[in-house]
Structures are given as structure tokens and as C-alpha cells.
């Protein structure tokens, strides 16, 4: 609820008039909840008023429950890694840890932090060059991270390296289901300066503010990329009652 106290404004009120609040089932809260709009995008803007989750979080958790049981019992004594230390998915895993008894890891990355070190209890990790051991995790998750990673291919290789055989990377990205081809928005030139092919796009998070740069917009060819790197991957369209449509979630398994 604290999240929503920060955002009440004329814009917020107008969003509620355009997209009236509704009651639906929240897979994180595991009961009916009130959903309100905080953004015109249905996937990032339809939030549960109790846990603050977006469709990205709820799609991932619904798929995880399908894979590991409704109470996540199949994750008992396993290692779970969320590539963030904030948000509804992080809170969900942290709160379920004592009940299910899995080992939960999380991290953030800031330029002035040293990978592998802890800052105010938060571990720093660069997913392009992780300090975790080979074959370490049973499950890795992330929401809207990989579009902000400059070299996503290297990052996916790192995820593959630190996953155990039989493990899964379950994640979301802003995914254009109508487009086969990923659009590269920017890259570095020979002088290591950023060359923009489209207008710069930024997202926000609690650690970096509103200046999280977006390198690409993904198309459905993401599965081709993952499969070439050794994963067995597919896009699952997870139906969510609260948005009355499917949320695309990617599952990439290391066989």
C-alpha cells in the first residue's frame, strides 16, 4: 500500500477513470485483490494494491507454480536467484523462503559497486560477468532486466553457466509478440560511445532512478537466440484474470 501513497496525482486519478479498478485473483497474494492502473500499459500498469505486482510478476509466479507446485514445494532445499533486490517478485520469494525452505539469492548492479560484495545487505552482481559458481542455481528469475543489459548474449551465457542441469531461467521482457525480429535501439561505436538508432528509451527502478537505458526491444526470435546458446526455451502465454489476457513469459531450461 505504501507504493501507491507516493503516486496519487491528477494523472493517477485520470488513469482510474479511464481504466476503472477491478477485483480479481492475485497469484502472489493467493486471493482476490483490488487492481488499479498506474500506467497506460496494461502489463506494467495493472497493479495489485496489496503486493504491488505487475502482470510481469504475476505471469512469472503463475508459471513457477505450474512448474514447481502451487506452494513451490518442489523448490525445497533448492537454490533460487532473482536478478533484483526489489519489487513484488523479490518480496514474494523472500517471504516464502522460510515456509518452503529454499535458499534465496538476489542482487543488484550499480557501476560503483564491486561484484560479489554486499552493500547494505544487497549483493552486487553483473549478470554479464557473474561471480557465482558454475552449475549453482536450480531456478533463476528476472522481470524486465535483459533489455537493459548491454551485451545480452553474454548475460544469457552467464545464466546458462550458473544454472544447474535441469534448472530453469523464467523471465519476462517487454516482448513484441507480433514481431519475429528483435529491434536494436542502440549500440556502442568504435569510440565506445553510445550510437542511438531510435530515440533513447529509459525505464526506472528504486536503485537507479529513471535513467535505466534500454538497448533493445525484443521480438519472438528471443527463443532462437536462447536455443542457439544451449537452452531449450519457449514463450508461454500465461492467462491472467486481472488483465483478462495472456502475459508472455519465457522459460529457458538447461537440459
C-alpha atoms as a PDB file:
ATOM      1  CA  UNK A   1       0.000   0.000   0.000  1.00  0.00           C
ATOM      2  CA  UNK A   2       2.938   2.374   0.683  1.00  0.00           C
ATOM      3  CA  UNK A   3       3.812   2.216  -3.037  1.00  0.00           C
ATOM      4  CA  UNK A   4       0.511   3.769  -4.044  1.00  0.00           C
ATOM      5  CA  UNK A   5       0.643   6.588  -1.498  1.00  0.00           C
ATOM      6  CA  UNK A   6       3.570   8.015  -3.489  1.00  0.00           C
ATOM      7  CA  UNK A   7       1.772   8.228  -6.815  1.00  0.00           C
ATOM      8  CA  UNK A   8      -1.621   9.834  -6.183  1.00  0.00           C
ATOM      9  CA  UNK A   9      -1.867  12.700  -8.666  1.00  0.00           C
ATOM     10  CA  UNK A  10      -4.189  14.071 -11.329  1.00  0.00           C
ATOM     11  CA  UNK A  11      -2.588  11.655 -13.814  1.00  0.00           C
ATOM     12  CA  UNK A  12      -3.284   8.767 -11.444  1.00  0.00           C
ATOM     13  CA  UNK A  13      -6.927   9.813 -10.993  1.00  0.00           C
ATOM     14  CA  UNK A  14      -7.390  10.123 -14.751  1.00  0.00           C
ATOM     15  CA  UNK A  15      -5.975   6.620 -15.221  1.00  0.00           C
ATOM     16  CA  UNK A  16      -8.570   5.245 -12.778  1.00  0.00           C
ATOM     17  CA  UNK A  17     -11.350   6.963 -14.701  1.00  0.00           C
ATOM     18  CA  UNK A  18     -10.087   5.548 -17.984  1.00  0.00           C
ATOM     19  CA  UNK A  19      -9.285   2.104 -16.552  1.00  0.00           C
ATOM     20  CA  UNK A  20     -11.614   1.544 -13.571  1.00  0.00           C
ATOM     21  CA  UNK A  21     -10.224  -0.532 -10.664  1.00  0.00           C
ATOM     22  CA  UNK A  22     -11.339  -4.154 -10.594  1.00  0.00           C
ATOM     23  CA  UNK A  23     -11.305  -7.090  -8.206  1.00  0.00           C
ATOM     24  CA  UNK A  24      -9.596 -10.253  -9.428  1.00  0.00           C
ATOM     25  CA  UNK A  25      -7.407 -13.107  -8.194  1.00  0.00           C
ATOM     26  CA  UNK A  26      -3.754 -12.282  -7.468  1.00  0.00           C
ATOM     27  CA  UNK A  27      -1.421 -15.270  -7.738  1.00  0.00           C
ATOM     28  CA  UNK A  28       1.128 -13.614  -5.440  1.00  0.00           C
ATOM     29  CA  UNK A  29      -1.357 -12.768  -2.675  1.00  0.00           C
ATOM     30  CA  UNK A  30      -3.192 -16.055  -3.405  1.00  0.00           C
ATOM     31  CA  UNK A  31      -6.623 -14.483  -3.006  1.00  0.00           C
ATOM     32  CA  UNK A  32      -8.898 -11.856  -4.547  1.00  0.00           C
ATOM     33  CA  UNK A  33      -7.464  -8.373  -4.574  1.00  0.00           C
ATOM     34  CA  UNK A  34      -8.118  -4.883  -5.902  1.00  0.00           C
ATOM     35  CA  UNK A  35      -6.216  -3.935  -9.066  1.00  0.00           C
ATOM     36  CA  UNK A  36      -5.612  -0.346 -10.108  1.00  0.00           C
ATOM     37  CA  UNK A  37      -3.811   1.308 -13.016  1.00  0.00           C
ATOM     38  CA  UNK A  38      -0.562   3.190 -12.531  1.00  0.00           C
ATOM     39  CA  UNK A  39       0.442   3.326 -16.213  1.00  0.00           C
ATOM     40  CA  UNK A  40      -1.384   3.172 -19.535  1.00  0.00           C
ATOM     41  CA  UNK A  41       0.445  -0.081 -20.390  1.00  0.00           C
ATOM     42  CA  UNK A  42      -1.718  -2.943 -19.164  1.00  0.00           C
ATOM     43  CA  UNK A  43       1.251  -5.223 -18.404  1.00  0.00           C
ATOM     44  CA  UNK A  44       3.268  -2.840 -16.259  1.00  0.00           C
ATOM     45  CA  UNK A  45       0.396  -0.625 -15.154  1.00  0.00           C
ATOM     46  CA  UNK A  46      -2.156  -3.086 -13.726  1.00  0.00           C
ATOM     47  CA  UNK A  47      -1.016  -3.457 -10.129  1.00  0.00           C
ATOM     48  CA  UNK A  48      -2.344  -5.381  -7.166  1.00  0.00           C
ATOM     49  CA  UNK A  49      -2.976  -2.817  -4.455  1.00  0.00           C
ATOM     50  CA  UNK A  50      -1.681  -5.153  -1.755  1.00  0.00           C
ATOM     51  CA  UNK A  51       1.570  -6.596  -3.152  1.00  0.00           C
ATOM     52  CA  UNK A  52       2.226  -4.003  -5.890  1.00  0.00           C
ATOM     53  CA  UNK A  53       2.787  -6.702  -8.516  1.00  0.00           C
ATOM     54  CA  UNK A  54       2.533  -6.091 -12.248  1.00  0.00           C
ATOM     55  CA  UNK A  55       1.452  -8.616 -14.873  1.00  0.00           C
ATOM     56  CA  UNK A  56       5.154  -9.431 -15.340  1.00  0.00           C
ATOM     57  CA  UNK A  57       5.438 -10.616 -11.714  1.00  0.00           C
ATOM     58  CA  UNK A  58       2.134 -12.468 -11.753  1.00  0.00           C
ATOM     59  CA  UNK A  59       2.874 -14.222 -15.045  1.00  0.00           C
ATOM     60  CA  UNK A  60       6.203 -15.473 -13.717  1.00  0.00           C
ATOM     61  CA  UNK A  61       4.754 -16.708 -10.420  1.00  0.00           C
ATOM     62  CA  UNK A  62       1.834 -18.450 -12.131  1.00  0.00           C
ATOM     63  CA  UNK A  63       4.270 -20.307 -14.412  1.00  0.00           C
ATOM     64  CA  UNK A  64       6.580 -21.136 -11.479  1.00  0.00           C
ATOM     65  CA  UNK A  65       3.615 -22.624  -9.609  1.00  0.00           C
ATOM     66  CA  UNK A  66       2.835 -24.755 -12.661  1.00  0.00           C
ATOM     67  CA  UNK A  67       6.448 -25.947 -12.783  1.00  0.00           C
ATOM     68  CA  UNK A  68       7.207 -26.360  -9.069  1.00  0.00           C
ATOM     69  CA  UNK A  69       3.808 -26.822  -7.385  1.00  0.00           C
ATOM     70  CA  UNK A  70       1.241 -24.360  -6.077  1.00  0.00           C
ATOM     71  CA  UNK A  71       3.165 -23.994  -2.805  1.00  0.00           C
ATOM     72  CA  UNK A  72       6.580 -24.233  -4.541  1.00  0.00           C
ATOM     73  CA  UNK A  73       7.260 -27.447  -2.613  1.00  0.00           C
ATOM     74  CA  UNK A  74       9.476 -28.796  -5.411  1.00  0.00           C
ATOM     75  CA  UNK A  75      11.917 -25.958  -4.677  1.00  0.00           C
ATOM     76  CA  UNK A  76      12.595 -27.219  -1.144  1.00  0.00           C
ATOM     77  CA  UNK A  77      16.351 -27.195  -0.411  1.00  0.00           C
ATOM     78  CA  UNK A  78      16.977 -25.803  -3.901  1.00  0.00           C
ATOM     79  CA  UNK A  79      18.763 -22.560  -4.824  1.00  0.00           C
ATOM     80  CA  UNK A  80      16.656 -19.710  -6.228  1.00  0.00           C
ATOM     81  CA  UNK A  81      18.106 -16.494  -7.663  1.00  0.00           C
ATOM     82  CA  UNK A  82      16.116 -13.362  -8.513  1.00  0.00           C
ATOM     83  CA  UNK A  83      18.180 -10.864 -10.513  1.00  0.00           C
ATOM     84  CA  UNK A  84      16.987  -7.899  -8.449  1.00  0.00           C
ATOM     85  CA  UNK A  85      16.626  -6.919  -4.811  1.00  0.00           C
ATOM     86  CA  UNK A  86      13.376  -5.012  -5.041  1.00  0.00           C
ATOM     87  CA  UNK A  87       9.818  -5.378  -6.265  1.00  0.00           C
ATOM     88  CA  UNK A  88       6.936  -7.779  -5.857  1.00  0.00           C
ATOM     89  CA  UNK A  89       8.746 -10.872  -7.158  1.00  0.00           C
ATOM     90  CA  UNK A  90      11.696 -10.292  -4.816  1.00  0.00           C
ATOM     91  CA  UNK A  91       9.300  -9.793  -1.881  1.00  0.00           C
ATOM     92  CA  UNK A  92       7.363 -12.935  -2.774  1.00  0.00           C
ATOM     93  CA  UNK A  93      10.464 -15.147  -2.840  1.00  0.00           C
ATOM     94  CA  UNK A  94      11.843 -13.578   0.327  1.00  0.00           C
ATOM     95  CA  UNK A  95       8.574 -14.119   2.212  1.00  0.00           C
ATOM     96  CA  UNK A  96       8.162 -17.731   1.014  1.00  0.00           C
ATOM     97  CA  UNK A  97      11.724 -18.734   1.860  1.00  0.00           C
ATOM     98  CA  UNK A  98      11.136 -19.763   5.495  1.00  0.00           C
ATOM     99  CA  UNK A  99       7.967 -21.679   4.570  1.00  0.00           C
ATOM    100  CA  UNK A 100       9.341 -23.635   1.602  1.00  0.00           C
ATOM    101  CA  UNK A 101      12.951 -23.772   2.833  1.00  0.00           C
ATOM    102  CA  UNK A 102      14.787 -22.973  -0.363  1.00  0.00           C
ATOM    103  CA  UNK A 103      17.989 -20.926  -0.437  1.00  0.00           C
ATOM    104  CA  UNK A 104      17.177 -17.498  -1.818  1.00  0.00           C
ATOM    105  CA  UNK A 105      19.688 -15.204  -3.512  1.00  0.00           C
ATOM    106  CA  UNK A 106      19.202 -11.758  -5.041  1.00  0.00           C
ATOM    107  CA  UNK A 107      21.382  -8.996  -6.424  1.00  0.00           C
ATOM    108  CA  UNK A 108      21.615  -5.527  -7.935  1.00  0.00           C
ATOM    109  CA  UNK A 109      24.236  -3.915 -10.131  1.00  0.00           C
ATOM    110  CA  UNK A 110      25.482  -0.345  -9.903  1.00  0.00           C
ATOM    111  CA  UNK A 111      28.556   0.981 -11.682  1.00  0.00           C
ATOM    112  CA  UNK A 112      30.352   1.987  -8.486  1.00  0.00           C
ATOM    113  CA  UNK A 113      29.678  -1.339  -6.735  1.00  0.00           C
ATOM    114  CA  UNK A 114      32.120  -4.269  -6.778  1.00  0.00           C
ATOM    115  CA  UNK A 115      30.617  -7.594  -7.980  1.00  0.00           C
ATOM    116  CA  UNK A 116      30.452 -10.208  -5.234  1.00  0.00           C
ATOM    117  CA  UNK A 117      30.443  -7.577  -2.463  1.00  0.00           C
ATOM    118  CA  UNK A 118      27.495  -6.642  -0.248  1.00  0.00           C
ATOM    119  CA  UNK A 119      26.218  -3.082   0.173  1.00  0.00           C
ATOM    120  CA  UNK A 120      23.694  -2.514   2.973  1.00  0.00           C
ATOM    121  CA  UNK A 121      22.846  -6.200   2.752  1.00  0.00           C
ATOM    122  CA  UNK A 122      22.455  -6.210  -1.043  1.00  0.00           C
ATOM    123  CA  UNK A 123      24.823  -8.298  -3.132  1.00  0.00           C
ATOM    124  CA  UNK A 124      26.305  -6.716  -6.242  1.00  0.00           C
ATOM    125  CA  UNK A 125      26.347  -8.869  -9.379  1.00  0.00           C
ATOM    126  CA  UNK A 126      26.981  -8.041 -13.014  1.00  0.00           C
ATOM    127  CA  UNK A 127      24.952 -10.578 -14.958  1.00  0.00           C
ATOM    128  CA  UNK A 128      27.412 -10.198 -17.843  1.00  0.00           C
ATOM    129  CA  UNK A 129      30.195 -11.436 -15.542  1.00  0.00           C
ATOM    130  CA  UNK A 130      28.694 -13.214 -12.536  1.00  0.00           C
ATOM    131  CA  UNK A 131      30.776 -14.203  -9.512  1.00  0.00           C
ATOM    132  CA  UNK A 132      28.601 -17.243  -8.801  1.00  0.00           C
ATOM    133  CA  UNK A 133      29.991 -20.744  -9.353  1.00  0.00           C
ATOM    134  CA  UNK A 134      29.166 -22.958 -12.312  1.00  0.00           C
ATOM    135  CA  UNK A 135      26.017 -25.098 -12.000  1.00  0.00           C
ATOM    136  CA  UNK A 136      24.867 -23.327  -8.843  1.00  0.00           C
ATOM    137  CA  UNK A 137      21.159 -22.447  -9.159  1.00  0.00           C
ATOM    138  CA  UNK A 138      18.034 -24.519  -9.759  1.00  0.00           C
ATOM    139  CA  UNK A 139      15.877 -21.523 -10.677  1.00  0.00           C
ATOM    140  CA  UNK A 140      16.747 -18.026 -11.877  1.00  0.00           C
ATOM    141  CA  UNK A 141      14.166 -15.292 -12.479  1.00  0.00           C
ATOM    142  CA  UNK A 142      14.061 -11.711 -13.702  1.00  0.00           C
ATOM    143  CA  UNK A 143      11.493  -9.155 -14.796  1.00  0.00           C
ATOM    144  CA  UNK A 144      12.300  -6.568 -17.462  1.00  0.00           C
ATOM    145  CA  UNK A 145      16.075  -6.790 -16.954  1.00  0.00           C
ATOM    146  CA  UNK A 146      17.659  -8.106 -20.132  1.00  0.00           C
ATOM    147  CA  UNK A 147      16.602  -5.198 -22.361  1.00  0.00           C
ATOM    148  CA  UNK A 148      18.835  -3.032 -20.133  1.00  0.00           C
ATOM    149  CA  UNK A 149      21.893  -5.309 -20.345  1.00  0.00           C
ATOM    150  CA  UNK A 150      24.291  -4.018 -22.975  1.00  0.00           C
ATOM    151  CA  UNK A 151      25.550  -7.438 -24.099  1.00  0.00           C
ATOM    152  CA  UNK A 152      22.572  -9.685 -23.529  1.00  0.00           C
ATOM    153  CA  UNK A 153      24.164 -12.660 -25.299  1.00  0.00           C
ATOM    154  CA  UNK A 154      26.995 -12.699 -22.755  1.00  0.00           C
ATOM    155  CA  UNK A 155      24.408 -12.372 -19.976  1.00  0.00           C
ATOM    156  CA  UNK A 156      22.390 -15.344 -21.250  1.00  0.00           C
ATOM    157  CA  UNK A 157      25.604 -17.374 -21.434  1.00  0.00           C
ATOM    158  CA  UNK A 158      26.298 -16.483 -17.800  1.00  0.00           C
ATOM    159  CA  UNK A 159      22.787 -17.538 -16.788  1.00  0.00           C
ATOM    160  CA  UNK A 160      23.358 -20.852 -18.571  1.00  0.00           C
ATOM    161  CA  UNK A 161      26.708 -21.300 -16.806  1.00  0.00           C
ATOM    162  CA  UNK A 162      25.396 -20.736 -13.273  1.00  0.00           C
ATOM    163  CA  UNK A 163      22.253 -22.861 -13.796  1.00  0.00           C
ATOM    164  CA  UNK A 164      22.322 -26.490 -12.731  1.00  0.00           C
ATOM    165  CA  UNK A 165      21.436 -29.160 -15.285  1.00  0.00           C
ATOM    166  CA  UNK A 166      17.644 -29.431 -15.182  1.00  0.00           C
ATOM    167  CA  UNK A 167      17.392 -25.858 -13.934  1.00  0.00           C
ATOM    168  CA  UNK A 168      15.293 -23.114 -15.483  1.00  0.00           C
ATOM    169  CA  UNK A 169      15.517 -19.408 -16.199  1.00  0.00           C
ATOM    170  CA  UNK A 170      11.987 -17.988 -16.072  1.00  0.00           C
ATOM    171  CA  UNK A 171      11.736 -14.337 -17.028  1.00  0.00           C
ATOM    172  CA  UNK A 172       9.880 -11.544 -18.752  1.00  0.00           C
ATOM    173  CA  UNK A 173      10.989  -8.763 -21.068  1.00  0.00           C
ATOM    174  CA  UNK A 174       8.997  -6.159 -22.973  1.00  0.00           C
ATOM    175  CA  UNK A 175       8.151  -8.607 -25.746  1.00  0.00           C
ATOM    176  CA  UNK A 176       6.563  -7.731 -29.088  1.00  0.00           C
ATOM    177  CA  UNK A 177       4.581 -10.892 -29.814  1.00  0.00           C
ATOM    178  CA  UNK A 178       3.596  -9.523 -33.232  1.00  0.00           C
ATOM    179  CA  UNK A 179       7.231  -9.182 -34.293  1.00  0.00           C
ATOM    180  CA  UNK A 180       9.643 -12.012 -35.047  1.00  0.00           C
ATOM    181  CA  UNK A 181      12.706  -9.754 -35.047  1.00  0.00           C
ATOM    182  CA  UNK A 182      14.323  -8.030 -32.071  1.00  0.00           C
ATOM    183  CA  UNK A 183      14.902  -4.319 -32.684  1.00  0.00           C
ATOM    184  CA  UNK A 184      18.309  -2.972 -31.680  1.00  0.00           C
ATOM    185  CA  UNK A 185      17.789   0.527 -30.322  1.00  0.00           C
ATOM    186  CA  UNK A 186      21.437   1.403 -29.662  1.00  0.00           C
ATOM    187  CA  UNK A 187      24.997   0.107 -29.640  1.00  0.00           C
ATOM    188  CA  UNK A 188      28.485   1.414 -28.930  1.00  0.00           C
ATOM    189  CA  UNK A 189      30.572   2.739 -31.800  1.00  0.00           C
ATOM    190  CA  UNK A 190      34.324   2.325 -32.316  1.00  0.00           C
ATOM    191  CA  UNK A 191      34.931   5.092 -29.750  1.00  0.00           C
ATOM    192  CA  UNK A 192      32.780   3.240 -27.180  1.00  0.00           C
ATOM    193  CA  UNK A 193      30.179   5.995 -27.348  1.00  0.00           C
ATOM    194  CA  UNK A 194      26.503   5.081 -27.499  1.00  0.00           C
ATOM    195  CA  UNK A 195      25.044   5.286 -31.003  1.00  0.00           C
ATOM    196  CA  UNK A 196      21.242   5.533 -30.931  1.00  0.00           C
ATOM    197  CA  UNK A 197      19.243   4.164 -33.861  1.00  0.00           C
ATOM    198  CA  UNK A 198      15.958   5.198 -32.211  1.00  0.00           C
ATOM    199  CA  UNK A 199      15.058   7.851 -29.675  1.00  0.00           C
ATOM    200  CA  UNK A 200      16.635   6.890 -26.317  1.00  0.00           C
ATOM    201  CA  UNK A 201      14.276   4.968 -24.059  1.00  0.00           C
ATOM    202  CA  UNK A 202      14.646   4.828 -20.293  1.00  0.00           C
ATOM    203  CA  UNK A 203      12.918   2.832 -17.581  1.00  0.00           C
ATOM    204  CA  UNK A 204      13.126   3.296 -13.813  1.00  0.00           C
ATOM    205  CA  UNK A 205      13.865   1.310 -10.675  1.00  0.00           C
ATOM    206  CA  UNK A 206      14.463   2.148  -6.989  1.00  0.00           C
ATOM    207  CA  UNK A 207      18.257   1.800  -7.250  1.00  0.00           C
ATOM    208  CA  UNK A 208      18.970   3.763 -10.442  1.00  0.00           C
ATOM    209  CA  UNK A 209      16.027   6.126 -10.659  1.00  0.00           C
ATOM    210  CA  UNK A 210      14.546   6.931 -14.066  1.00  0.00           C
ATOM    211  CA  UNK A 211      17.720   6.613 -16.140  1.00  0.00           C
ATOM    212  CA  UNK A 212      17.852   2.871 -16.862  1.00  0.00           C
ATOM    213  CA  UNK A 213      18.837   2.768 -20.543  1.00  0.00           C
ATOM    214  CA  UNK A 214      17.102   0.382 -22.970  1.00  0.00           C
ATOM    215  CA  UNK A 215      19.317  -1.276 -25.589  1.00  0.00           C
ATOM    216  CA  UNK A 216      16.696  -3.285 -27.488  1.00  0.00           C
ATOM    217  CA  UNK A 217      13.036  -4.211 -27.929  1.00  0.00           C
ATOM    218  CA  UNK A 218      12.655  -7.977 -28.107  1.00  0.00           C
ATOM    219  CA  UNK A 219      10.756  -9.959 -30.701  1.00  0.00           C
ATOM    220  CA  UNK A 220       9.837 -13.627 -30.586  1.00  0.00           C
ATOM    221  CA  UNK A 221      13.245 -14.519 -32.025  1.00  0.00           C
ATOM    222  CA  UNK A 222      14.475 -14.442 -28.397  1.00  0.00           C
ATOM    223  CA  UNK A 223      13.799 -18.197 -28.248  1.00  0.00           C
ATOM    224  CA  UNK A 224      16.001 -18.789 -31.307  1.00  0.00           C
ATOM    225  CA  UNK A 225      18.793 -16.903 -29.570  1.00  0.00           C
ATOM    226  CA  UNK A 226      18.397 -18.875 -26.341  1.00  0.00           C
ATOM    227  CA  UNK A 227      18.252 -22.221 -28.129  1.00  0.00           C
ATOM    228  CA  UNK A 228      21.478 -21.456 -30.004  1.00  0.00           C
ATOM    229  CA  UNK A 229      23.131 -20.860 -26.618  1.00  0.00           C
ATOM    230  CA  UNK A 230      22.155 -24.337 -25.377  1.00  0.00           C
ATOM    231  CA  UNK A 231      18.812 -23.712 -23.691  1.00  0.00           C
ATOM    232  CA  UNK A 232      15.555 -25.418 -24.521  1.00  0.00           C
ATOM    233  CA  UNK A 233      13.237 -22.420 -24.492  1.00  0.00           C
ATOM    234  CA  UNK A 234       9.716 -21.359 -25.296  1.00  0.00           C
ATOM    235  CA  UNK A 235       7.372 -18.444 -24.786  1.00  0.00           C
ATOM    236  CA  UNK A 236       4.450 -19.371 -22.543  1.00  0.00           C
ATOM    237  CA  UNK A 237       1.345 -17.229 -22.814  1.00  0.00           C
ATOM    238  CA  UNK A 238       0.081 -17.180 -19.236  1.00  0.00           C
ATOM    239  CA  UNK A 239      -3.534 -16.089 -18.915  1.00  0.00           C
ATOM    240  CA  UNK A 240      -4.123 -13.630 -16.064  1.00  0.00           C
ATOM    241  CA  UNK A 241      -7.615 -12.958 -14.801  1.00  0.00           C
ATOM    242  CA  UNK A 242      -6.723  -9.457 -13.636  1.00  0.00           C
ATOM    243  CA  UNK A 243      -5.830  -8.189 -17.133  1.00  0.00           C
ATOM    244  CA  UNK A 244      -8.119 -10.660 -18.933  1.00  0.00           C
ATOM    245  CA  UNK A 245      -5.373 -11.583 -21.391  1.00  0.00           C
ATOM    246  CA  UNK A 246      -2.173 -13.571 -21.667  1.00  0.00           C
ATOM    247  CA  UNK A 247       1.174 -12.410 -20.321  1.00  0.00           C
ATOM    248  CA  UNK A 248       4.142 -13.789 -22.311  1.00  0.00           C
ATOM    249  CA  UNK A 249       6.692 -15.441 -20.032  1.00  0.00           C
ATOM    250  CA  UNK A 250       9.874 -17.101 -21.271  1.00  0.00           C
ATOM    251  CA  UNK A 251      11.114 -20.359 -19.790  1.00  0.00           C
ATOM    252  CA  UNK A 252      14.606 -21.468 -20.774  1.00  0.00           C
ATOM    253  CA  UNK A 253      15.741 -24.817 -19.410  1.00  0.00           C
ATOM    254  CA  UNK A 254      19.264 -26.198 -19.161  1.00  0.00           C
ATOM    255  CA  UNK A 255      18.857 -29.868 -20.035  1.00  0.00           C
END
